[in-house]
Amino acid sequence: MREPIRTAIAGVGNCASSLVQAVSYCKNRRHEAIGVSFPELGGYRPEDIEIVAGFDVDDRKVNRPVGEAVMATPNCTEIFWDQLDDQTATVHRGPDLDGVSAFMRNQPPEVSFVTSALPPLSADKVVETLKQAGAEVLIIFLPVGSVRAVEFYADCALRAGCALVNGIPVFLASNPAWAKKFETAGLPLIGDDFKAQFGATVVHRALAHLADLRGVKVDRTYQLNVGGNTDFLNMMDMDRLVMKRESKTEAVQTAMDNRLDDGDIRIGPSDYVPWLNDRKVAYVRLEGRLLGGARTSVEMRLEVEDSPNAAAMAITAIRCARIAREKGLSGAIPDASAFLFKHPPIQIDDPEAYDRLLAFAGDA
């Protein structure tokens, strides 16, 4: 029997909720679990993941078992597995830094941020906590735009000897300076910004690729997303949205044979609709020309539960981190990142990225 993949989570929000639920769900349902990407990868199954620590700043989550914390307000994702008595790891009080936007501090109680009265852990204490928990992987699920907070936890991972999985659009694996830090430390770095299991970006990429394959000249395109979870609320602050928009735009641009001018492509979150909760609605449009310049266009509406869509990739990425450690790999891991993330170190067409992920894991 393989040793569990001991994993810590920075940011116990909706994506963390779906991840924690997924681990317990897969342990209980095993081969009957629905919708699992890569049920077995490199000999590891999702149920081999063990959550050993969490870090958050909200009073409703701090100092509570992670199985209880992921169900606390303002989390609003779909509950597909509520038997979380096995998820007993403690959620610790992390530092605020830039992890909480002004939009989150000035909202009704059901969605607002509630500051924990406990003093935040210092970097030394976070490192100590990771080591005491025996964490070998740290996954980052902080709000979009949390540059200082992400870099804080990345530094802590380096000092604690943890591989890092970066689920959000703050560029680490795709940043050569950060990749070099993890290479020097002998630790894997996988990221950046999860490309959801069946989300707007992967579907948009497929449409754009299909147009190229069939000889259609794509002239312009947009992808507009609305949702009701706290990250959509957080992204109403346009200053926090810069990297997210870049990540999503590049994921589509690199799927096409010819780049569009900046004025002909617009991709990113566009509004917050509270009653949608964790549902995300994406509107995608492509306009182009067929033979002889005859005009064509396609419009698509995609609705998904946002956080399980990301967690499906997270349970794969965590297993990739263990596989990379076993192989003695360090720094950014392109073959483990390209299929799973919007802004990986190297952009690769999805079918090839899928094959390279399997080859990396030894399953090809």
Protein backbone atom coordinates (compact mmCIF):
# COMPACT_ATOMS: atom_id res chain seq x y z
CA MET A 1 0.00 0.00 0.00
CA ARG A 2 1.39 3.40 -0.98
CA GLU A 3 1.88 6.14 1.59
CA PRO A 4 -0.85 8.83 1.52
CA ILE A 5 -0.07 12.10 -0.24
CA ARG A 6 -0.06 14.46 2.73
CA THR A 7 -1.46 17.75 1.47
CA ALA A 8 -2.00 21.20 2.99
CA ILE A 9 -4.39 23.81 1.60
CA ALA A 10 -3.87 27.60 1.57
CA GLY A 11 -7.31 29.17 1.22
CA VAL A 12 -10.26 27.13 2.50
CA GLY A 13 -12.87 28.49 0.11
CA ASN A 14 -15.17 26.86 -2.42
CA CYS A 15 -12.44 25.07 -4.40
CA ALA A 16 -11.02 23.68 -1.17
CA SER A 17 -14.52 22.55 -0.21
CA SER A 18 -14.87 20.62 -3.46
CA LEU A 19 -11.39 19.12 -3.06
CA VAL A 20 -12.05 17.96 0.52
CA GLN A 21 -15.43 16.55 -0.48
CA ALA A 22 -13.83 14.79 -3.48
CA VAL A 23 -11.20 13.04 -1.35
CA SER A 24 -13.81 11.65 1.06
CA TYR A 25 -16.22 10.86 -1.78
CA CYS A 26 -13.59 8.86 -3.65
CA LYS A 27 -12.55 7.01 -0.48
CA ASN A 28 -16.13 5.89 0.02
CA ARG A 29 -17.19 5.28 -3.58
CA ARG A 30 -13.83 4.23 -5.03
CA HIS A 31 -14.45 2.66 -8.45
CA GLU A 32 -18.06 3.91 -8.47
CA ALA A 33 -17.04 7.57 -8.13
CA ILE A 34 -18.54 9.70 -10.91
CA GLY A 35 -16.66 12.18 -13.07
CA VAL A 36 -13.12 11.50 -11.85
CA SER A 37 -10.38 12.59 -14.23
CA PHE A 38 -7.65 9.94 -14.29
CA PRO A 39 -9.13 7.45 -11.76
CA GLU A 40 -5.62 6.05 -11.50
CA LEU A 41 -2.47 7.99 -12.34
CA GLY A 42 1.02 6.65 -11.79
CA GLY A 43 -0.46 4.08 -9.43
CA TYR A 44 -2.24 6.72 -7.34
CA ARG A 45 -5.98 7.22 -6.91
CA PRO A 46 -7.74 10.37 -5.57
CA GLU A 47 -8.40 8.64 -2.25
CA ASP A 48 -4.62 8.43 -1.69
CA ILE A 49 -4.69 12.17 -0.89
CA GLU A 50 -4.77 13.05 2.81
CA ILE A 51 -5.53 16.61 3.90
CA VAL A 52 -3.25 17.38 6.86
CA ALA A 53 -3.58 21.16 7.36
CA GLY A 54 -5.44 24.21 6.14
CA PHE A 55 -4.78 27.96 6.30
CA ASP A 56 -7.43 30.69 6.15
CA VAL A 57 -8.23 34.10 7.62
CA ASP A 58 -12.00 33.91 8.20
CA ASP A 59 -13.23 33.46 11.76
CA ARG A 60 -15.84 30.93 10.65
CA LYS A 61 -13.10 28.58 9.42
CA VAL A 62 -10.02 29.18 11.56
CA ASN A 63 -9.28 26.74 14.38
CA ARG A 64 -11.87 24.28 13.09
CA PRO A 65 -11.54 20.84 11.45
CA VAL A 66 -11.23 21.24 7.71
CA GLY A 67 -14.31 19.04 7.17
CA GLU A 68 -16.33 21.56 9.17
CA ALA A 69 -14.61 24.67 7.83
CA VAL A 70 -15.32 23.90 4.16
CA MET A 71 -19.05 23.94 4.93
CA ALA A 72 -18.94 27.37 6.59
CA THR A 73 -20.26 30.63 5.12
CA PRO A 74 -19.45 32.24 2.73
CA ASN A 75 -18.68 28.96 0.91
CA CYS A 76 -21.59 28.18 -1.37
CA THR A 77 -20.51 25.38 -3.69
CA GLU A 78 -22.64 22.32 -4.31
CA ILE A 79 -22.41 19.71 -1.55
CA PHE A 80 -22.01 16.37 -3.30
CA TRP A 81 -20.55 14.57 -0.25
CA ASP A 82 -21.34 15.71 3.29
CA GLN A 83 -19.83 12.83 5.27
CA LEU A 84 -16.63 14.60 6.26
CA ASP A 85 -16.02 13.28 9.77
CA ASP A 86 -12.77 11.82 8.44
CA GLN A 87 -11.48 15.31 7.55
CA THR A 88 -10.07 16.32 10.93
CA ALA A 89 -7.03 18.42 10.01
CA THR A 90 -7.02 21.86 11.67
CA VAL A 91 -7.45 25.11 9.74
CA HIS A 92 -4.82 27.57 11.00
CA ARG A 93 -4.90 31.36 11.02
CA GLY A 94 -2.88 32.60 8.07
CA PRO A 95 -1.86 36.21 7.44
CA ASP A 96 -4.30 38.55 5.66
CA LEU A 97 -1.74 40.25 3.38
CA ASP A 98 -3.61 40.98 0.10
CA GLY A 99 -5.80 37.89 0.33
CA VAL A 100 -8.97 39.86 1.11
CA SER A 101 -10.24 42.60 -1.20
CA ALA A 102 -12.18 45.67 -0.13
CA PHE A 103 -15.22 44.21 -1.87
CA MET A 104 -15.14 41.30 0.56
CA ARG A 105 -14.99 43.54 3.62
CA ASN A 106 -18.11 45.54 2.78
CA GLN A 107 -20.80 42.99 2.05
CA PRO A 108 -23.83 41.45 3.79
CA PRO A 109 -22.96 38.83 6.44
CA GLU A 110 -23.74 35.87 4.19
CA VAL A 111 -20.90 36.76 1.81
CA SER A 112 -18.65 39.12 3.79
CA PHE A 113 -15.24 38.37 5.23
CA VAL A 114 -15.16 37.98 9.03
CA THR A 115 -11.71 38.64 10.46
CA SER A 116 -10.46 35.99 12.85
CA ALA A 117 -9.57 37.34 16.28
CA LEU A 118 -6.65 34.93 16.49
CA PRO A 119 -3.23 36.41 15.69
CA PRO A 120 -1.99 35.42 12.21
CA LEU A 121 0.84 32.92 12.00
CA SER A 122 4.24 34.25 11.05
CA ALA A 123 6.15 32.70 8.17
CA ASP A 124 8.24 30.73 10.69
CA LYS A 125 5.06 29.37 12.30
CA VAL A 126 3.53 28.41 8.94
CA VAL A 127 6.72 26.53 8.06
CA GLU A 128 6.70 24.83 11.45
CA THR A 129 3.03 23.90 11.02
CA LEU A 130 3.66 22.37 7.60
CA LYS A 131 6.57 20.36 8.94
CA GLN A 132 4.68 19.15 12.01
CA ALA A 133 1.78 18.07 9.78
CA GLY A 134 4.18 16.14 7.57
CA ALA A 135 2.90 18.00 4.49
CA GLU A 136 4.68 17.12 1.25
CA VAL A 137 2.37 19.12 -1.04
CA LEU A 138 0.88 22.59 -0.54
CA ILE A 139 -1.96 23.60 -2.85
CA ILE A 140 -2.91 27.27 -3.22
CA PHE A 141 -6.59 28.19 -3.52
CA LEU A 142 -6.37 31.84 -2.45
CA PRO A 143 -8.56 34.53 -4.06
CA VAL A 144 -7.57 35.89 -7.47
CA GLY A 145 -5.19 38.84 -7.16
CA SER A 146 -3.54 37.66 -3.93
CA VAL A 147 0.00 38.19 -5.19
CA ARG A 148 1.69 38.85 -1.84
CA ALA A 149 -0.20 36.05 -0.11
CA VAL A 150 0.63 33.53 -2.84
CA GLU A 151 4.30 34.45 -2.73
CA PHE A 152 4.23 34.21 1.08
CA TYR A 153 2.97 30.62 0.93
CA ALA A 154 5.35 29.77 -1.91
CA ASP A 155 8.27 30.88 0.26
CA CYS A 156 6.89 28.82 3.15
CA ALA A 157 6.62 25.76 0.89
CA LEU A 158 10.26 26.17 -0.11
CA ARG A 159 11.36 26.39 3.52
CA ALA A 160 9.16 23.48 4.63
CA GLY A 161 10.24 21.19 1.79
CA CYS A 162 6.79 21.02 0.15
CA ALA A 163 6.01 20.63 -3.52
CA LEU A 164 3.67 23.40 -4.64
CA VAL A 165 0.50 23.24 -6.73
CA ASN A 166 -0.66 26.74 -7.70
CA GLY A 167 -4.34 26.77 -8.58
CA ILE A 168 -4.76 30.51 -9.17
CA PRO A 169 -3.52 33.10 -11.70
CA VAL A 170 -0.52 34.44 -9.85
CA PHE A 171 2.36 33.30 -12.02
CA LEU A 172 4.81 30.98 -10.28
CA ALA A 173 5.40 27.88 -12.42
CA SER A 174 5.29 30.10 -15.52
CA ASN A 175 7.68 32.61 -13.92
CA PRO A 176 11.33 31.56 -14.54
CA ALA A 177 12.51 33.23 -11.31
CA TRP A 178 10.12 31.20 -9.14
CA ALA A 179 10.74 28.04 -11.16
CA LYS A 180 14.47 28.46 -10.49
CA LYS A 181 13.86 28.81 -6.74
CA PHE A 182 12.02 25.50 -6.63
CA GLU A 183 14.63 23.86 -8.86
CA THR A 184 17.39 25.00 -6.50
CA ALA A 185 15.42 23.65 -3.53
CA GLY A 186 14.88 20.31 -5.28
CA LEU A 187 11.07 20.66 -5.17
CA PRO A 188 8.40 20.37 -7.89
CA LEU A 189 6.28 23.38 -8.85
CA ILE A 190 3.06 22.75 -10.79
CA GLY A 191 0.73 25.47 -12.15
CA ASP A 192 -0.59 28.07 -12.90
CA ASP A 193 -4.38 28.65 -12.72
CA PHE A 194 -6.46 25.50 -13.09
CA LYS A 195 -8.01 24.83 -16.48
CA ALA A 196 -11.30 23.38 -15.25
CA GLN A 197 -12.43 19.85 -16.07
CA PHE A 198 -15.10 21.02 -18.55
CA GLY A 199 -14.97 24.79 -18.25
CA ALA A 200 -15.27 27.79 -20.51
CA THR A 201 -11.58 27.97 -21.36
CA VAL A 202 -11.13 24.35 -22.44
CA VAL A 203 -14.34 24.47 -24.52
CA HIS A 204 -13.33 27.82 -26.05
CA ARG A 205 -9.91 26.35 -26.95
CA ALA A 206 -11.61 23.37 -28.60
CA LEU A 207 -13.86 25.59 -30.72
CA ALA A 208 -10.95 27.76 -31.82
CA HIS A 209 -8.84 24.71 -32.64
CA LEU A 210 -11.73 23.17 -34.61
CA ALA A 211 -12.06 26.35 -36.67
CA ASP A 212 -8.37 26.22 -37.56
CA LEU A 213 -8.58 22.52 -38.36
CA ARG A 214 -11.45 23.15 -40.80
CA GLY A 215 -9.80 26.16 -42.45
CA VAL A 216 -12.08 28.81 -40.94
CA LYS A 217 -10.51 32.26 -40.53
CA VAL A 218 -11.39 33.40 -36.99
CA ASP A 219 -11.65 37.21 -36.92
CA ARG A 220 -12.74 37.93 -33.35
CA THR A 221 -13.96 36.21 -30.22
CA TYR A 222 -15.12 36.83 -26.68
CA GLN A 223 -15.75 34.82 -23.53
CA LEU A 224 -17.75 36.59 -20.81
CA ASN A 225 -18.27 34.86 -17.46
CA VAL A 226 -20.64 35.63 -14.59
CA GLY A 227 -20.96 33.87 -11.25
CA GLY A 228 -22.09 34.30 -7.68
CA ASN A 229 -19.29 32.93 -5.51
CA THR A 230 -16.92 35.07 -3.47
CA ASP A 231 -14.19 34.92 -6.10
CA PHE A 232 -16.47 36.58 -8.65
CA LEU A 233 -17.21 39.20 -6.00
CA ASN A 234 -13.48 39.59 -5.36
CA MET A 235 -12.86 40.03 -9.09
CA MET A 236 -15.14 43.05 -9.24
CA ASP A 237 -11.94 44.84 -8.22
CA MET A 238 -10.44 45.27 -11.70
CA ASP A 239 -6.92 45.67 -10.30
CA ARG A 240 -7.08 42.08 -9.01
CA LEU A 241 -8.23 40.78 -12.38
CA VAL A 242 -5.17 41.57 -14.52
CA MET A 243 -3.43 38.18 -14.26
CA LYS A 244 -6.72 36.26 -14.51
CA ARG A 245 -7.58 37.99 -17.77
CA GLU A 246 -4.07 37.37 -19.11
CA SER A 247 -4.19 33.71 -18.10
CA LYS A 248 -7.55 33.02 -19.76
CA THR A 249 -6.74 35.06 -22.87
CA GLU A 250 -3.38 33.37 -23.46
CA ALA A 251 -4.97 29.94 -23.00
CA VAL A 252 -7.24 30.67 -25.98
CA GLN A 253 -4.72 32.63 -28.07
CA THR A 254 -2.21 29.78 -27.92
CA ALA A 255 -4.83 27.28 -29.10
CA MET A 256 -5.17 29.12 -32.44
CA ASP A 257 -2.82 29.01 -35.40
CA ASN A 258 -2.79 32.82 -35.64
CA ARG A 259 -3.00 35.25 -32.75
CA LEU A 260 -5.79 37.78 -32.79
CA ASP A 261 -5.11 41.47 -32.25
CA ASP A 262 -5.81 42.59 -28.68
CA GLY A 263 -8.90 44.48 -29.83
CA ASP A 264 -10.41 41.35 -31.38
CA ILE A 265 -10.36 39.12 -28.31
CA ARG A 266 -11.93 39.72 -24.91
CA ILE A 267 -11.94 37.05 -22.24
CA GLY A 268 -12.58 37.14 -18.52
CA PRO A 269 -15.03 37.43 -15.63
CA SER A 270 -17.48 40.24 -16.30
CA ASP A 271 -19.97 40.43 -13.42
CA TYR A 272 -21.06 39.12 -10.02
CA VAL A 273 -24.61 37.78 -9.67
CA PRO A 274 -25.12 36.75 -6.02
CA TRP A 275 -27.99 34.32 -6.53
CA LEU A 276 -25.91 32.19 -8.89
CA ASN A 277 -23.81 31.10 -5.87
CA ASP A 278 -21.09 28.75 -7.19
CA ARG A 279 -22.64 28.42 -10.64
CA LYS A 280 -20.67 30.02 -13.44
CA VAL A 281 -22.33 30.96 -16.71
CA ALA A 282 -20.03 31.50 -19.70
CA TYR A 283 -21.01 33.15 -22.96
CA VAL A 284 -18.64 32.39 -25.84
CA ARG A 285 -18.81 33.84 -29.34
CA LEU A 286 -16.53 33.36 -32.35
CA GLU A 287 -16.90 35.24 -35.63
CA GLY A 288 -15.06 34.13 -38.75
CA ARG A 289 -15.06 33.55 -42.48
CA LEU A 290 -15.55 30.44 -44.57
CA LEU A 291 -14.55 29.81 -48.19
CA GLY A 292 -14.51 33.02 -50.20
CA GLY A 293 -14.99 35.14 -47.09
CA ALA A 294 -18.54 33.95 -46.41
CA ARG A 295 -19.37 34.95 -42.85
CA THR A 296 -20.04 32.53 -39.99
CA SER A 297 -20.40 32.80 -36.24
CA VAL A 298 -21.08 30.54 -33.30
CA GLU A 299 -22.46 31.40 -29.88
CA MET A 300 -22.45 29.09 -26.89
CA ARG A 301 -23.75 29.24 -23.33
CA LEU A 302 -22.06 26.96 -20.80
CA GLU A 303 -23.23 26.59 -17.19
CA VAL A 304 -21.14 24.73 -14.62
CA GLU A 305 -20.72 24.38 -10.89
CA ASP A 306 -17.45 26.24 -10.72
CA SER A 307 -15.51 24.69 -7.85
CA PRO A 308 -15.96 20.93 -8.49
CA ASN A 309 -14.86 21.75 -12.04
CA ALA A 310 -11.49 22.93 -10.64
CA ALA A 311 -11.23 20.30 -7.91
CA ALA A 312 -11.29 17.55 -10.55
CA MET A 313 -7.99 18.94 -11.81
CA ALA A 314 -6.66 19.48 -8.30
CA ILE A 315 -6.89 15.79 -7.40
CA THR A 316 -4.82 15.11 -10.50
CA ALA A 317 -2.27 17.85 -9.86
CA ILE A 318 -1.64 16.70 -6.28
CA ARG A 319 -0.91 13.20 -7.51
CA CYS A 320 1.42 14.69 -10.15
CA ALA A 321 3.33 16.45 -7.37
CA ARG A 322 3.93 13.12 -5.61
CA ILE A 323 4.97 11.45 -8.89
CA ALA A 324 7.38 14.31 -9.63
CA ARG A 325 8.95 13.92 -6.19
CA GLU A 326 9.36 10.19 -6.72
CA LYS A 327 11.07 10.86 -10.04
CA GLY A 328 13.43 13.37 -8.42
CA LEU A 329 12.13 16.23 -10.56
CA SER A 330 12.32 19.83 -9.43
CA GLY A 331 11.35 23.30 -10.60
CA ALA A 332 8.45 23.82 -13.00
CA ILE A 333 7.10 20.58 -14.44
CA PRO A 334 5.72 21.36 -17.94
CA ASP A 335 4.46 17.84 -18.69
CA ALA A 336 2.44 17.82 -15.47
CA SER A 337 1.11 21.34 -15.98
CA ALA A 338 0.09 21.86 -19.61
CA PHE A 339 -3.10 19.76 -19.56
CA LEU A 340 -4.25 20.95 -16.13
CA PHE A 341 -3.57 24.70 -16.15
CA LYS A 342 -4.44 27.78 -18.20
CA HIS A 343 -1.01 29.42 -17.85
CA PRO A 344 1.55 26.57 -17.65
CA PRO A 345 5.29 26.99 -18.21
CA ILE A 346 4.79 25.81 -21.81
CA GLN A 347 1.48 25.98 -23.69
CA ILE A 348 0.75 22.68 -25.46
CA ASP A 349 -2.27 21.66 -27.54
CA ASP A 350 -4.68 19.73 -25.32
CA PRO A 351 -4.51 16.29 -27.00
CA GLU A 352 -0.69 16.37 -26.94
CA ALA A 353 -0.71 17.70 -23.37
CA TYR A 354 -2.95 14.79 -22.36
CA ASP A 355 -0.50 12.29 -23.86
CA ARG A 356 2.46 13.99 -22.20
CA LEU A 357 0.73 13.90 -18.82
CA LEU A 358 0.17 10.17 -19.15
CA ALA A 359 3.79 9.66 -20.26
CA PHE A 360 5.01 11.71 -17.30
CA ALA A 361 2.98 9.53 -14.94
CA GLY A 362 4.17 6.33 -16.62
CA ASP A 363 0.67 5.42 -17.83
CA ALA A 364 1.16 5.92 -21.60
